[in-house]
Amino acid sequence: MQWRLILTLVLMVIVVIFSLANADAVQFNYLVGSKPLSLALIIIISALIGTIAGVVAGLGSLFKLRQQLLDKDHQLRDLKKDNQGLSDEAKVNKEQRRPRRP
């Protein structure tokens, strides 16, 4: 888990350095017009949008895996109950087969 934090910090530093190296003003064209903006700002905003898109894309898998884990937990609990019931039943059968001493 710690390596992910280190990798994230390294990538963030790379994006910031790249942005600062490209701090010139450029004409930014969008759907309803255009505006001069710093290229560094555009790079950072693009990186943030990409990060958000990646997180949103991964949420579906996360929820699916979480549901599978819950299903397996329920299955394990049911199997433990069945195992306990069979163990109790085996003890009863064993006691019934023993000859009783008078």
Protein backbone atom coordinates (compact mmCIF):
# COMPACT_ATOMS: atom_id res chain seq x y z
CA MET A 1 0.00 0.00 0.00
CA GLN A 2 2.88 2.35 0.76
CA TRP A 3 4.36 1.93 -2.71
CA ARG A 4 1.14 3.32 -4.23
CA LEU A 5 1.48 6.49 -2.19
CA ILE A 6 5.11 6.87 -3.23
CA LEU A 7 4.23 6.27 -6.90
CA THR A 8 1.38 8.80 -6.70
CA LEU A 9 3.65 11.43 -5.17
CA VAL A 10 6.34 10.83 -7.80
CA LEU A 11 3.79 11.17 -10.61
CA MET A 12 2.40 14.35 -9.06
CA VAL A 13 5.89 15.87 -8.87
CA ILE A 14 6.52 14.95 -12.52
CA VAL A 15 3.26 16.61 -13.60
CA VAL A 16 4.07 19.76 -11.61
CA ILE A 17 7.61 19.98 -13.02
CA PHE A 18 6.31 19.41 -16.55
CA SER A 19 3.64 22.05 -16.01
CA LEU A 20 6.08 24.63 -14.70
CA ALA A 21 8.40 24.00 -17.64
CA ASN A 22 5.46 24.83 -19.95
CA ALA A 23 4.07 27.93 -18.27
CA ASP A 24 3.52 29.94 -21.47
CA ALA A 25 0.09 31.38 -22.22
CA VAL A 26 -1.78 29.59 -25.01
CA GLN A 27 -5.15 30.09 -26.64
CA PHE A 28 -7.56 27.53 -25.14
CA ASN A 29 -10.52 26.73 -27.40
CA TYR A 30 -13.64 25.22 -25.87
CA LEU A 31 -17.17 24.66 -27.13
CA VAL A 32 -18.52 28.19 -26.72
CA GLY A 33 -15.40 30.24 -27.25
CA SER A 34 -11.73 30.56 -26.52
CA LYS A 35 -9.59 32.15 -23.85
CA PRO A 36 -5.87 32.62 -23.22
CA LEU A 37 -4.75 30.36 -20.37
CA SER A 38 -1.48 29.18 -18.91
CA LEU A 39 -0.38 25.87 -20.41
CA ALA A 40 0.63 24.78 -16.90
CA LEU A 41 -2.94 25.26 -15.71
CA ILE A 42 -4.28 23.27 -18.67
CA ILE A 43 -1.82 20.43 -17.97
CA ILE A 44 -2.74 20.27 -14.28
CA ILE A 45 -6.48 20.40 -14.99
CA SER A 46 -6.08 17.65 -17.60
CA ALA A 47 -4.18 15.49 -15.11
CA LEU A 48 -6.92 16.00 -12.50
CA ILE A 49 -9.67 15.15 -15.00
CA GLY A 50 -7.75 12.00 -15.99
CA THR A 51 -7.34 11.01 -12.34
CA ILE A 52 -11.04 11.51 -11.64
CA ALA A 53 -11.98 9.51 -14.74
CA GLY A 54 -9.69 6.67 -13.64
CA VAL A 55 -11.18 6.60 -10.14
CA VAL A 56 -14.74 6.61 -11.49
CA ALA A 57 -13.87 3.81 -13.93
CA GLY A 58 -12.44 1.74 -11.07
CA LEU A 59 -15.47 2.19 -8.81
CA GLY A 60 -17.52 -0.36 -10.74
CA SER A 61 -14.88 -3.04 -10.18
CA LEU A 62 -14.55 -2.04 -6.54
CA PHE A 63 -18.27 -2.41 -5.89
CA LYS A 64 -18.37 -5.72 -7.75
CA LEU A 65 -15.47 -7.11 -5.71
CA ARG A 66 -17.02 -5.86 -2.48
CA GLN A 67 -20.28 -7.64 -3.32
CA GLN A 68 -18.39 -10.84 -4.12
CA LEU A 69 -16.60 -10.59 -0.76
CA LEU A 70 -19.90 -10.17 1.08
CA ASP A 71 -21.35 -13.17 -0.78
CA LYS A 72 -18.32 -15.29 0.17
CA ASP A 73 -18.60 -14.16 3.80
CA HIS A 74 -22.25 -15.26 3.89
CA GLN A 75 -21.33 -18.55 2.23
CA LEU A 76 -18.54 -19.13 4.76
CA ARG A 77 -20.88 -18.40 7.68
CA ASP A 78 -23.44 -20.87 6.32
CA LEU A 79 -20.78 -23.53 5.83
CA LYS A 80 -19.52 -23.04 9.38
CA LYS A 81 -23.08 -23.49 10.67
CA ASP A 82 -23.48 -26.66 8.60
CA ASN A 83 -20.12 -27.95 9.84
CA GLN A 84 -21.06 -27.29 13.46
CA GLY A 85 -24.39 -29.03 12.97
CA LEU A 86 -22.70 -32.08 11.43
CA SER A 87 -20.11 -32.13 14.21
CA ASP A 88 -22.85 -32.04 16.86
CA GLU A 89 -24.76 -34.77 15.03
CA ALA A 90 -21.63 -36.95 14.86
CA LYS A 91 -21.12 -36.59 18.62
CA VAL A 92 -24.69 -37.63 19.29
CA ASN A 93 -24.38 -40.65 17.01
CA LYS A 94 -21.12 -41.66 18.64
CA GLU A 95 -22.66 -41.48 22.11
CA GLN A 96 -25.67 -43.55 20.97
CA ARG A 97 -23.41 -46.33 19.67
CA ARG A 98 -21.45 -46.65 22.91
CA PRO A 99 -22.59 -49.46 25.14
CA ARG A 100 -23.90 -48.14 28.39
CA ARG A 101 -22.44 -49.47 31.58
CA PRO A 102 -24.88 -50.72 34.13
